[in-house]
């Protein structure tokens, strides 16, 4: 493997088909009462303004594209295939946040998340922010809960701009002891392999200049 391809990505680029994503290494744990904590700092100064639609934080990623789940061919970035199932949050250019549960079909569960922080998230005004997500499983104090907090700046010490959660069995996850997380960026005109003979067309679309630098992207299996 060349040095270029072995480097750990430090930004997403939508130059290929309005889509990019990167996975963290898989973490394992034997304690089903634990929960996932994901932290990531992003700089969207050159993301939404360059045509990107939203960024994605996907937890508990499993499976891959092919055999109509929902795409009939793989979607590869950085040598890995796009997830088939996961749960997490998406952040839009206007500061809206939605929870999503990808279920291996073209019809994922999707719900708007209310901002209970009393502040306002506006990526155009505060393009650098740090996201913290807590994701519970079927047991423990965060059972069946997905919670997101977004802080201004490069750390969790910054002012809170957004805070919200979704709860219920549909937002929990069965414990497997294996945990994988992805960060993704998407433009408005990603073309699925379904539309191109089950082989993705890796060409520029509407957001070829959109980039999303990120730092401090980490996953922790926590307790309490």
Protein backbone atom coordinates (compact mmCIF):
# COMPACT_ATOMS: atom_id res chain seq x y z
CA UNK A 1 0.00 0.00 0.00
CA UNK A 2 1.35 3.43 -0.92
CA UNK A 3 2.02 6.06 1.74
CA UNK A 4 -0.74 8.21 0.22
CA UNK A 5 -3.44 5.55 0.66
CA UNK A 6 -2.23 4.52 4.12
CA UNK A 7 -2.66 8.01 5.62
CA UNK A 8 -5.51 8.50 8.03
CA UNK A 9 -8.09 10.90 6.51
CA UNK A 10 -8.33 14.31 8.17
CA UNK A 11 -11.11 15.74 6.03
CA UNK A 12 -14.04 14.65 3.92
CA UNK A 13 -14.25 15.71 0.27
CA UNK A 14 -17.40 15.52 -1.85
CA UNK A 15 -15.42 15.60 -5.12
CA UNK A 16 -16.54 12.04 -5.93
CA UNK A 17 -20.28 11.76 -6.56
CA UNK A 18 -21.22 14.23 -3.79
CA UNK A 19 -20.35 11.72 -1.05
CA UNK A 20 -17.52 10.87 1.31
CA UNK A 21 -17.28 8.93 4.56
CA UNK A 22 -14.66 7.57 6.92
CA UNK A 23 -14.88 4.91 9.64
CA UNK A 24 -13.18 4.73 12.99
CA UNK A 25 -11.62 1.37 13.89
CA UNK A 26 -14.07 -1.09 15.46
CA UNK A 27 -14.16 -1.14 19.27
CA UNK A 28 -15.31 -4.10 21.37
CA UNK A 29 -16.67 -4.51 24.88
CA UNK A 30 -18.23 -7.29 26.97
CA UNK A 31 -20.41 -5.12 29.24
CA UNK A 32 -23.94 -4.75 27.82
CA UNK A 33 -24.76 -1.94 30.27
CA UNK A 34 -22.20 0.36 28.69
CA UNK A 35 -22.91 3.04 26.09
CA UNK A 36 -21.05 4.66 23.21
CA UNK A 37 -19.61 8.15 23.41
CA UNK A 38 -18.54 9.77 20.14
CA UNK A 39 -16.73 13.11 19.95
CA UNK A 40 -15.72 14.97 16.79
CA UNK A 41 -14.73 18.55 15.94
CA UNK A 42 -15.64 19.76 12.45
CA UNK A 43 -14.96 22.90 10.43
CA UNK A 44 -17.74 23.46 7.90
CA UNK A 45 -16.36 26.76 6.57
CA UNK A 46 -15.95 25.15 3.13
CA UNK A 47 -18.72 22.60 3.38
CA UNK A 48 -22.25 23.97 3.19
CA UNK A 49 -21.16 27.09 1.31
CA UNK A 50 -19.68 24.84 -1.39
CA UNK A 51 -22.86 22.89 -2.03
CA UNK A 52 -22.93 20.19 0.67
CA UNK A 53 -26.34 19.23 2.02
CA UNK A 54 -25.62 17.62 5.40
CA UNK A 55 -23.09 15.83 7.57
CA UNK A 56 -23.76 12.47 9.20
CA UNK A 57 -22.63 10.86 12.44
CA UNK A 58 -23.53 7.17 12.19
CA UNK A 59 -23.07 4.75 15.09
CA UNK A 60 -23.23 0.95 15.26
CA UNK A 61 -22.52 0.69 11.55
CA UNK A 62 -23.06 -2.78 10.12
CA UNK A 63 -23.28 -4.37 6.70
CA UNK A 64 -22.43 -2.81 3.36
CA UNK A 65 -23.98 -1.80 0.08
CA UNK A 66 -24.88 -4.43 -2.53
CA UNK A 67 -27.80 -6.79 -3.13
CA UNK A 68 -30.27 -3.90 -2.80
CA UNK A 69 -29.63 -2.86 0.78
CA UNK A 70 -30.65 -0.35 -0.52
CA UNK A 71 -28.09 -0.11 -3.35
CA UNK A 72 -27.32 -2.94 -5.73
CA UNK A 73 -23.59 -2.25 -5.80
CA UNK A 74 -20.85 -1.11 -3.40
CA UNK A 75 -20.15 2.54 -2.56
CA UNK A 76 -16.45 2.62 -1.70
CA UNK A 77 -14.44 5.37 -0.01
CA UNK A 78 -10.99 4.98 1.57
CA UNK A 79 -11.12 1.27 0.73
CA UNK A 80 -14.34 0.58 2.67
CA UNK A 81 -17.98 0.08 1.71
CA UNK A 82 -20.85 2.32 2.79
CA UNK A 83 -22.84 1.01 5.76
CA UNK A 84 -26.21 -0.70 5.39
CA UNK A 85 -27.52 -0.30 8.96
CA UNK A 86 -26.72 2.23 11.68
CA UNK A 87 -28.25 4.93 13.89
CA UNK A 88 -27.17 8.49 14.51
CA UNK A 89 -27.67 12.15 13.69
CA UNK A 90 -27.52 14.39 10.64
CA UNK A 91 -26.73 18.12 10.79
CA UNK A 92 -28.01 20.49 8.09
CA UNK A 93 -26.77 23.86 6.86
CA UNK A 94 -29.51 25.77 8.69
CA UNK A 95 -28.62 24.16 12.03
CA UNK A 96 -31.47 21.67 12.00
CA UNK A 97 -30.64 18.24 13.42
CA UNK A 98 -32.42 14.98 12.69
CA UNK A 99 -32.04 11.50 14.14
CA UNK A 100 -31.84 8.71 11.58
CA UNK A 101 -31.92 4.95 11.77
CA UNK A 102 -30.59 3.32 8.63
CA UNK A 103 -32.27 -0.06 8.25
CA UNK A 104 -30.86 -1.56 5.05
CA UNK A 105 -33.67 -0.12 2.90
CA UNK A 106 -34.33 3.11 1.01
CA UNK A 107 -36.80 4.15 3.77
CA UNK A 108 -34.83 4.78 7.00
CA UNK A 109 -36.48 6.08 10.17
CA UNK A 110 -36.08 9.85 10.41
CA UNK A 111 -37.23 12.37 13.01
CA UNK A 112 -36.49 16.03 13.80
CA UNK A 113 -34.64 16.64 17.08
CA UNK A 114 -35.72 19.62 19.19
CA UNK A 115 -32.97 21.93 20.43
CA UNK A 116 -33.47 22.21 24.18
CA UNK A 117 -30.29 24.20 24.87
CA UNK A 118 -31.89 27.64 24.62
CA UNK A 119 -29.19 28.64 22.12
CA UNK A 120 -29.03 28.59 18.31
CA UNK A 121 -26.88 26.44 16.05
CA UNK A 122 -26.00 28.34 12.87
CA UNK A 123 -23.08 26.77 10.98
CA UNK A 124 -22.70 29.90 8.85
CA UNK A 125 -21.97 31.97 11.97
CA UNK A 126 -20.13 29.33 14.02
CA UNK A 127 -18.64 26.94 11.45
CA UNK A 128 -16.29 25.23 13.91
CA UNK A 129 -18.07 23.10 16.47
CA UNK A 130 -17.59 19.94 18.50
CA UNK A 131 -20.21 17.20 18.49
CA UNK A 132 -20.72 14.77 21.37
CA UNK A 133 -23.10 11.83 21.00
CA UNK A 134 -24.15 9.39 23.72
CA UNK A 135 -25.82 6.21 22.48
CA UNK A 136 -27.37 3.72 24.88
CA UNK A 137 -28.28 0.10 24.19
CA UNK A 138 -31.04 -2.01 25.79
CA UNK A 139 -29.75 -1.76 29.36
CA UNK A 140 -28.15 0.85 31.60
CA UNK A 141 -29.01 4.49 32.41
CA UNK A 142 -29.05 5.47 28.71
CA UNK A 143 -31.13 2.51 27.54
CA UNK A 144 -32.84 3.16 24.19
CA UNK A 145 -31.54 6.74 24.05
CA UNK A 146 -29.61 8.77 21.48
CA UNK A 147 -28.38 12.12 22.79
CA UNK A 148 -26.45 14.86 20.98
CA UNK A 149 -24.73 17.99 22.27
CA UNK A 150 -22.97 20.49 19.98
CA UNK A 151 -20.46 22.94 21.45
CA UNK A 152 -19.03 26.03 19.78
CA UNK A 153 -15.31 25.74 19.06
CA UNK A 154 -12.78 22.95 19.27
CA UNK A 155 -13.67 21.30 22.57
CA UNK A 156 -16.49 20.28 24.88
CA UNK A 157 -15.67 23.34 27.01
CA UNK A 158 -17.22 25.69 24.44
CA UNK A 159 -20.73 27.16 24.77
CA UNK A 160 -23.55 24.71 24.02
CA UNK A 161 -25.27 25.54 20.71
CA UNK A 162 -27.51 22.50 20.45
CA UNK A 163 -28.75 19.81 22.81
CA UNK A 164 -31.39 17.19 22.19
CA UNK A 165 -32.24 13.51 22.23
CA UNK A 166 -34.57 10.83 20.95
CA UNK A 167 -35.76 7.92 23.07
CA UNK A 168 -37.67 4.68 22.68
CA UNK A 169 -36.98 1.17 21.51
CA UNK A 170 -36.66 2.32 17.90
CA UNK A 171 -33.62 4.39 18.81
CA UNK A 172 -31.89 1.83 20.98
CA UNK A 173 -29.75 -0.96 19.63
CA UNK A 174 -29.29 -4.61 20.45
CA UNK A 175 -25.96 -5.18 22.18
CA UNK A 176 -23.41 -7.02 20.05
CA UNK A 177 -20.22 -6.01 21.83
CA UNK A 178 -18.85 -4.61 18.56
CA UNK A 179 -19.05 -0.88 17.80
CA UNK A 180 -18.22 1.00 14.61
CA UNK A 181 -18.73 4.70 13.86
CA UNK A 182 -18.65 6.72 10.64
CA UNK A 183 -18.50 10.41 9.75
CA UNK A 184 -20.01 11.25 6.37
CA UNK A 185 -20.72 14.24 4.16
CA UNK A 186 -23.35 14.32 1.42
CA UNK A 187 -24.22 16.69 -1.41
CA UNK A 188 -27.66 17.13 -2.97
CA UNK A 189 -27.10 14.96 -6.04
CA UNK A 190 -25.41 11.75 -4.96
CA UNK A 191 -26.29 9.19 -7.64
CA UNK A 192 -26.84 5.68 -6.33
CA UNK A 193 -25.46 2.56 -8.03
CA UNK A 194 -29.10 1.60 -8.63
CA UNK A 195 -29.21 4.33 -11.28
CA UNK A 196 -25.95 3.39 -12.98
CA UNK A 197 -26.07 -0.35 -13.60
CA UNK A 198 -25.14 -1.31 -9.99
CA UNK A 199 -21.70 0.33 -10.41
CA UNK A 200 -21.22 3.74 -8.80
CA UNK A 201 -20.20 6.55 -11.15
CA UNK A 202 -17.26 8.14 -9.35
CA UNK A 203 -17.52 11.55 -11.04
CA UNK A 204 -18.00 15.13 -9.79
CA UNK A 205 -21.57 16.28 -9.14
CA UNK A 206 -22.83 19.53 -7.60
CA UNK A 207 -20.46 19.86 -4.64
CA UNK A 208 -16.96 18.93 -5.89
CA UNK A 209 -15.30 21.70 -3.85
CA UNK A 210 -17.06 20.91 -0.57
CA UNK A 211 -14.67 19.73 2.15
CA UNK A 212 -15.14 19.04 5.84
CA UNK A 213 -11.94 19.04 7.92
CA UNK A 214 -12.33 17.15 11.19
CA UNK A 215 -10.24 16.52 14.30
CA UNK A 216 -10.54 14.71 17.63
CA UNK A 217 -12.80 12.07 16.04
CA UNK A 218 -12.96 9.32 18.64
CA UNK A 219 -15.19 6.58 20.02
CA UNK A 220 -15.26 5.53 23.67
CA UNK A 221 -17.22 2.69 25.28
CA UNK A 222 -18.32 4.28 28.55
CA UNK A 223 -20.22 3.32 31.72
CA UNK A 224 -22.51 5.29 33.98
